[in-house]
Amino acid sequence: MVTYNQTMRIIAKSRLKKYWETPGNEHLKSYLSEWYHFCEKQIWRTPQEVKDTLRNASIIASNRVIFNIKGNDYRIICAMDYPRLAMFIKFVGTHKEYDRVNASEVEND
């Protein structure tokens, strides 16, 4: 059961780290870390609560949310488990890479 002081759990930060450690992506560490630390402080129990906090987030099918990073140059797709206050990172990539995936089905390797 969820307690009142529990905040979002993001699974897994290692996916963000792997992305920013990829040659050429080192400059993204601060952007991805900022997103991570912001989200882990939130309490989102519904898609509307995400939208109320981040107006540029897109709510899509399969309990997924698309987050825009660095002025929409990059995207993060998360599967949301609202009752458990959990977010599962399914995709991290450029906007161009995002355009080539099915956001409601993509699974991160």
N, C-alpha and C. Protein backbone atom coordinates (compact mmCIF):
# COMPACT_ATOMS: atom_id res chain seq x y z
N MET A 1 0.84 -1.18 0.00
CA MET A 1 0.00 0.00 0.00
C MET A 1 0.88 1.24 0.00
N VAL A 2 0.44 2.26 -0.67
CA VAL A 2 1.19 3.52 -0.80
C VAL A 2 1.02 4.34 0.48
N THR A 3 2.13 4.86 0.99
CA THR A 3 2.06 5.76 2.13
C THR A 3 2.05 7.20 1.62
N TYR A 4 1.63 8.11 2.46
CA TYR A 4 1.48 9.50 2.02
C TYR A 4 2.79 10.20 1.72
N ASN A 5 3.89 9.75 2.32
CA ASN A 5 5.16 10.44 2.08
C ASN A 5 6.00 9.78 1.00
N GLN A 6 5.48 8.77 0.35
CA GLN A 6 6.21 8.08 -0.71
C GLN A 6 6.16 8.92 -1.99
N THR A 7 7.26 8.94 -2.71
CA THR A 7 7.32 9.65 -3.98
C THR A 7 7.64 8.66 -5.09
N MET A 8 7.70 9.15 -6.31
CA MET A 8 7.88 8.29 -7.48
C MET A 8 9.22 7.55 -7.42
N ARG A 9 9.15 6.28 -7.81
CA ARG A 9 10.36 5.47 -8.00
C ARG A 9 10.57 5.36 -9.50
N ILE A 10 11.78 5.59 -9.94
CA ILE A 10 12.10 5.55 -11.36
C ILE A 10 13.02 4.37 -11.60
N ILE A 11 12.59 3.49 -12.47
CA ILE A 11 13.33 2.26 -12.75
C ILE A 11 13.71 2.29 -14.23
N ALA A 12 14.89 2.38 -14.57
CA ALA A 12 16.09 2.38 -13.76
C ALA A 12 16.98 3.54 -14.20
N LYS A 13 17.59 4.19 -13.24
CA LYS A 13 18.50 5.30 -13.53
C LYS A 13 19.66 4.84 -14.41
N SER A 14 20.01 3.57 -14.31
CA SER A 14 21.12 3.05 -15.11
C SER A 14 20.87 3.22 -16.60
N ARG A 15 19.62 3.24 -17.03
CA ARG A 15 19.31 3.45 -18.45
C ARG A 15 19.66 4.87 -18.88
N LEU A 16 19.40 5.82 -18.00
CA LEU A 16 19.79 7.21 -18.29
C LEU A 16 21.30 7.33 -18.34
N LYS A 17 21.96 6.72 -17.36
CA LYS A 17 23.43 6.78 -17.28
C LYS A 17 24.06 6.15 -18.52
N LYS A 18 23.53 5.02 -18.94
CA LYS A 18 24.05 4.35 -20.14
C LYS A 18 23.93 5.28 -21.35
N TYR A 19 22.82 6.02 -21.43
CA TYR A 19 22.61 6.92 -22.56
C TYR A 19 23.59 8.08 -22.52
N TRP A 20 23.78 8.72 -21.36
CA TRP A 20 24.67 9.88 -21.32
C TRP A 20 26.13 9.47 -21.37
N GLU A 21 26.44 8.20 -21.11
CA GLU A 21 27.83 7.73 -21.22
C GLU A 21 28.17 7.29 -22.64
N THR A 22 27.19 7.24 -23.52
CA THR A 22 27.43 6.92 -24.92
C THR A 22 28.22 8.06 -25.54
N PRO A 23 29.31 7.75 -26.26
CA PRO A 23 30.10 8.82 -26.88
C PRO A 23 29.21 9.77 -27.69
N GLY A 24 29.39 11.05 -27.45
CA GLY A 24 28.60 12.07 -28.11
C GLY A 24 27.42 12.56 -27.29
N ASN A 25 27.06 11.81 -26.24
CA ASN A 25 25.91 12.19 -25.41
C ASN A 25 26.29 12.72 -24.04
N GLU A 26 27.57 12.91 -23.80
CA GLU A 26 28.03 13.31 -22.47
C GLU A 26 27.37 14.61 -22.00
N HIS A 27 27.07 15.49 -22.93
CA HIS A 27 26.46 16.78 -22.59
C HIS A 27 25.05 16.64 -22.01
N LEU A 28 24.46 15.46 -22.12
CA LEU A 28 23.09 15.25 -21.65
C LEU A 28 23.00 14.87 -20.18
N LYS A 29 24.13 14.60 -19.55
CA LYS A 29 24.09 14.16 -18.15
C LYS A 29 23.30 15.12 -17.27
N SER A 30 23.55 16.40 -17.38
CA SER A 30 22.86 17.37 -16.52
C SER A 30 21.36 17.41 -16.82
N TYR A 31 20.97 17.33 -18.08
CA TYR A 31 19.55 17.36 -18.44
C TYR A 31 18.83 16.12 -17.93
N LEU A 32 19.43 14.95 -18.13
CA LEU A 32 18.79 13.71 -17.71
C LEU A 32 18.78 13.58 -16.19
N SER A 33 19.83 14.02 -15.54
CA SER A 33 19.87 14.00 -14.07
C SER A 33 18.82 14.94 -13.49
N GLU A 34 18.69 16.11 -14.09
CA GLU A 34 17.69 17.08 -13.62
C GLU A 34 16.29 16.49 -13.75
N TRP A 35 15.99 15.85 -14.88
CA TRP A 35 14.69 15.21 -15.07
C TRP A 35 14.47 14.13 -14.02
N TYR A 36 15.47 13.29 -13.81
CA TYR A 36 15.36 12.20 -12.84
C TYR A 36 15.06 12.74 -11.44
N HIS A 37 15.84 13.71 -11.00
CA HIS A 37 15.67 14.25 -9.64
C HIS A 37 14.35 14.99 -9.48
N PHE A 38 13.88 15.63 -10.53
CA PHE A 38 12.57 16.28 -10.48
C PHE A 38 11.47 15.23 -10.33
N CYS A 39 11.50 14.21 -11.18
CA CYS A 39 10.44 13.19 -11.16
C CYS A 39 10.43 12.39 -9.87
N GLU A 40 11.59 12.11 -9.31
CA GLU A 40 11.62 11.28 -8.10
C GLU A 40 11.04 12.01 -6.89
N LYS A 41 10.83 13.30 -6.99
CA LYS A 41 10.23 14.08 -5.90
C LYS A 41 8.72 14.20 -6.03
N GLN A 42 8.17 13.73 -7.14
CA GLN A 42 6.75 13.89 -7.42
C GLN A 42 5.92 12.77 -6.81
N ILE A 43 4.63 13.04 -6.69
CA ILE A 43 3.64 12.03 -6.31
C ILE A 43 2.56 12.10 -7.38
N TRP A 44 2.67 11.21 -8.36
CA TRP A 44 1.71 11.18 -9.47
C TRP A 44 0.87 9.92 -9.35
N ARG A 45 -0.41 10.11 -9.07
CA ARG A 45 -1.32 8.98 -8.94
C ARG A 45 -2.24 8.82 -10.15
N THR A 46 -2.20 9.81 -11.04
CA THR A 46 -3.04 9.77 -12.25
C THR A 46 -2.30 10.47 -13.39
N PRO A 47 -2.67 10.15 -14.63
CA PRO A 47 -2.08 10.87 -15.76
C PRO A 47 -2.32 12.38 -15.67
N GLN A 48 -3.49 12.77 -15.18
CA GLN A 48 -3.79 14.20 -15.08
C GLN A 48 -2.82 14.91 -14.13
N GLU A 49 -2.40 14.24 -13.07
CA GLU A 49 -1.43 14.85 -12.15
C GLU A 49 -0.09 15.08 -12.84
N VAL A 50 0.29 14.18 -13.76
CA VAL A 50 1.51 14.39 -14.53
C VAL A 50 1.34 15.64 -15.39
N LYS A 51 0.22 15.74 -16.10
CA LYS A 51 -0.05 16.89 -16.98
C LYS A 51 -0.13 18.20 -16.19
N ASP A 52 -0.70 18.13 -14.99
CA ASP A 52 -0.80 19.33 -14.17
C ASP A 52 0.58 19.84 -13.76
N THR A 53 1.53 18.92 -13.62
CA THR A 53 2.89 19.28 -13.21
C THR A 53 3.75 19.64 -14.41
N LEU A 54 3.65 18.85 -15.47
CA LEU A 54 4.47 19.03 -16.67
C LEU A 54 3.55 19.15 -17.88
N ARG A 55 3.21 20.34 -18.24
CA ARG A 55 2.24 20.56 -19.31
C ARG A 55 2.70 20.01 -20.65
N ASN A 56 4.02 19.91 -20.87
CA ASN A 56 4.51 19.43 -22.17
C ASN A 56 4.66 17.91 -22.21
N ALA A 57 4.34 17.22 -21.13
CA ALA A 57 4.34 15.75 -21.15
C ALA A 57 3.14 15.28 -21.97
N SER A 58 3.33 14.18 -22.70
CA SER A 58 2.24 13.61 -23.50
C SER A 58 1.80 12.30 -22.89
N ILE A 59 0.52 12.18 -22.62
CA ILE A 59 -0.06 10.96 -22.08
C ILE A 59 -0.55 10.14 -23.27
N ILE A 60 -0.09 8.89 -23.36
CA ILE A 60 -0.49 8.04 -24.48
C ILE A 60 -1.03 6.71 -23.96
N ALA A 61 -1.35 5.80 -24.87
CA ALA A 61 -1.90 4.49 -24.52
C ALA A 61 -0.93 3.68 -23.67
N SER A 62 -1.45 2.63 -23.07
CA SER A 62 -0.66 1.68 -22.29
C SER A 62 -0.02 2.31 -21.05
N ASN A 63 -0.68 3.31 -20.47
CA ASN A 63 -0.16 4.00 -19.28
C ASN A 63 1.25 4.52 -19.50
N ARG A 64 1.49 5.07 -20.66
CA ARG A 64 2.81 5.61 -20.98
C ARG A 64 2.75 7.13 -21.01
N VAL A 65 3.91 7.71 -20.67
CA VAL A 65 4.07 9.16 -20.71
C VAL A 65 5.34 9.47 -21.49
N ILE A 66 5.25 10.45 -22.36
CA ILE A 66 6.41 10.92 -23.12
C ILE A 66 6.85 12.25 -22.51
N PHE A 67 8.10 12.29 -22.10
CA PHE A 67 8.68 13.50 -21.50
C PHE A 67 9.63 14.13 -22.51
N ASN A 68 9.52 15.43 -22.66
CA ASN A 68 10.41 16.18 -23.54
C ASN A 68 11.61 16.67 -22.74
N ILE A 69 12.80 16.46 -23.28
CA ILE A 69 14.04 16.82 -22.61
C ILE A 69 14.81 17.80 -23.50
N LYS A 70 15.44 18.76 -22.87
CA LYS A 70 16.28 19.74 -23.58
C LYS A 70 15.52 20.39 -24.74
N GLY A 71 14.41 21.01 -24.39
CA GLY A 71 13.64 21.74 -25.40
C GLY A 71 13.07 20.86 -26.48
N ASN A 72 12.72 19.63 -26.14
CA ASN A 72 12.12 18.67 -27.08
C ASN A 72 13.14 18.08 -28.06
N ASP A 73 14.43 18.28 -27.81
CA ASP A 73 15.46 17.64 -28.65
C ASP A 73 15.56 16.15 -28.34
N TYR A 74 15.19 15.77 -27.12
CA TYR A 74 15.29 14.38 -26.67
C TYR A 74 13.97 13.99 -26.03
N ARG A 75 13.73 12.69 -25.98
CA ARG A 75 12.49 12.17 -25.40
C ARG A 75 12.80 11.01 -24.46
N ILE A 76 12.00 10.93 -23.42
CA ILE A 76 12.01 9.77 -22.53
C ILE A 76 10.58 9.24 -22.51
N ILE A 77 10.44 7.94 -22.71
CA ILE A 77 9.13 7.29 -22.61
C ILE A 77 9.15 6.43 -21.36
N CYS A 78 8.15 6.61 -20.52
CA CYS A 78 8.03 5.80 -19.30
C CYS A 78 6.68 5.10 -19.27
N ALA A 79 6.71 3.86 -18.81
CA ALA A 79 5.48 3.15 -18.47
C ALA A 79 5.19 3.50 -17.01
N MET A 80 3.97 3.88 -16.73
CA MET A 80 3.62 4.34 -15.40
C MET A 80 2.79 3.30 -14.67
N ASP A 81 3.14 3.07 -13.42
CA ASP A 81 2.34 2.25 -12.51
C ASP A 81 1.89 3.19 -11.40
N TYR A 82 0.79 3.87 -11.64
CA TYR A 82 0.33 4.91 -10.73
C TYR A 82 0.03 4.39 -9.32
N PRO A 83 -0.64 3.24 -9.15
CA PRO A 83 -0.91 2.77 -7.79
C PRO A 83 0.36 2.53 -6.96
N ARG A 84 1.43 2.13 -7.63
CA ARG A 84 2.69 1.85 -6.93
C ARG A 84 3.66 3.03 -6.98
N LEU A 85 3.24 4.13 -7.57
CA LEU A 85 4.10 5.31 -7.74
C LEU A 85 5.43 4.93 -8.37
N ALA A 86 5.35 4.19 -9.48
CA ALA A 86 6.55 3.72 -10.16
C ALA A 86 6.53 4.13 -11.63
N MET A 87 7.73 4.44 -12.12
CA MET A 87 7.93 4.81 -13.52
C MET A 87 9.01 3.89 -14.08
N PHE A 88 8.75 3.28 -15.21
CA PHE A 88 9.71 2.38 -15.84
C PHE A 88 10.19 3.01 -17.14
N ILE A 89 11.46 3.34 -17.21
CA ILE A 89 12.02 3.97 -18.41
C ILE A 89 12.05 2.93 -19.53
N LYS A 90 11.37 3.23 -20.62
CA LYS A 90 11.29 2.32 -21.76
C LYS A 90 12.10 2.80 -22.96
N PHE A 91 12.36 4.10 -23.01
CA PHE A 91 13.08 4.65 -24.16
C PHE A 91 13.72 5.97 -23.75
N VAL A 92 14.96 6.15 -24.20
CA VAL A 92 15.66 7.43 -24.10
C VAL A 92 16.30 7.66 -25.46
N GLY A 93 16.04 8.79 -26.07
CA GLY A 93 16.65 9.04 -27.38
C GLY A 93 16.33 10.41 -27.92
N THR A 94 16.88 10.67 -29.09
CA THR A 94 16.63 11.94 -29.77
C THR A 94 15.19 11.96 -30.28
N HIS A 95 14.74 13.13 -30.64
CA HIS A 95 13.41 13.25 -31.23
C HIS A 95 13.34 12.43 -32.52
N LYS A 96 14.41 12.45 -33.30
CA LYS A 96 14.45 11.68 -34.55
C LYS A 96 14.35 10.17 -34.27
N GLU A 97 15.08 9.69 -33.25
CA GLU A 97 15.00 8.27 -32.87
C GLU A 97 13.59 7.93 -32.37
N TYR A 98 13.01 8.84 -31.62
CA TYR A 98 11.66 8.65 -31.11
C TYR A 98 10.66 8.47 -32.25
N ASP A 99 10.84 9.22 -33.33
CA ASP A 99 9.93 9.13 -34.47
C ASP A 99 9.93 7.75 -35.11
N ARG A 100 10.94 6.93 -34.83
CA ARG A 100 11.04 5.59 -35.44
C ARG A 100 10.53 4.47 -34.53
N VAL A 101 10.01 4.80 -33.34
CA VAL A 101 9.53 3.76 -32.43
C VAL A 101 8.03 3.88 -32.22
N ASN A 102 7.42 2.80 -31.78
CA ASN A 102 6.02 2.82 -31.37
C ASN A 102 6.03 3.11 -29.87
N ALA A 103 5.69 4.32 -29.51
CA ALA A 103 5.82 4.77 -28.12
C ALA A 103 4.99 3.96 -27.14
N SER A 104 3.89 3.38 -27.58
CA SER A 104 3.05 2.62 -26.66
C SER A 104 3.53 1.18 -26.49
N GLU A 105 4.52 0.76 -27.27
CA GLU A 105 5.00 -0.62 -27.18
C GLU A 105 6.50 -0.76 -26.96
N VAL A 106 7.28 0.29 -27.17
CA VAL A 106 8.74 0.19 -27.11
C VAL A 106 9.20 -0.34 -25.75
N GLU A 107 10.20 -1.19 -25.79
CA GLU A 107 10.84 -1.74 -24.59
C GLU A 107 12.32 -1.46 -24.70
N ASN A 108 12.91 -0.91 -23.65
CA ASN A 108 14.34 -0.62 -23.64
C ASN A 108 15.11 -1.92 -23.44
N ASP A 109 16.20 -2.08 -24.19
CA ASP A 109 17.02 -3.30 -24.07
C ASP A 109 17.77 -3.34 -22.77
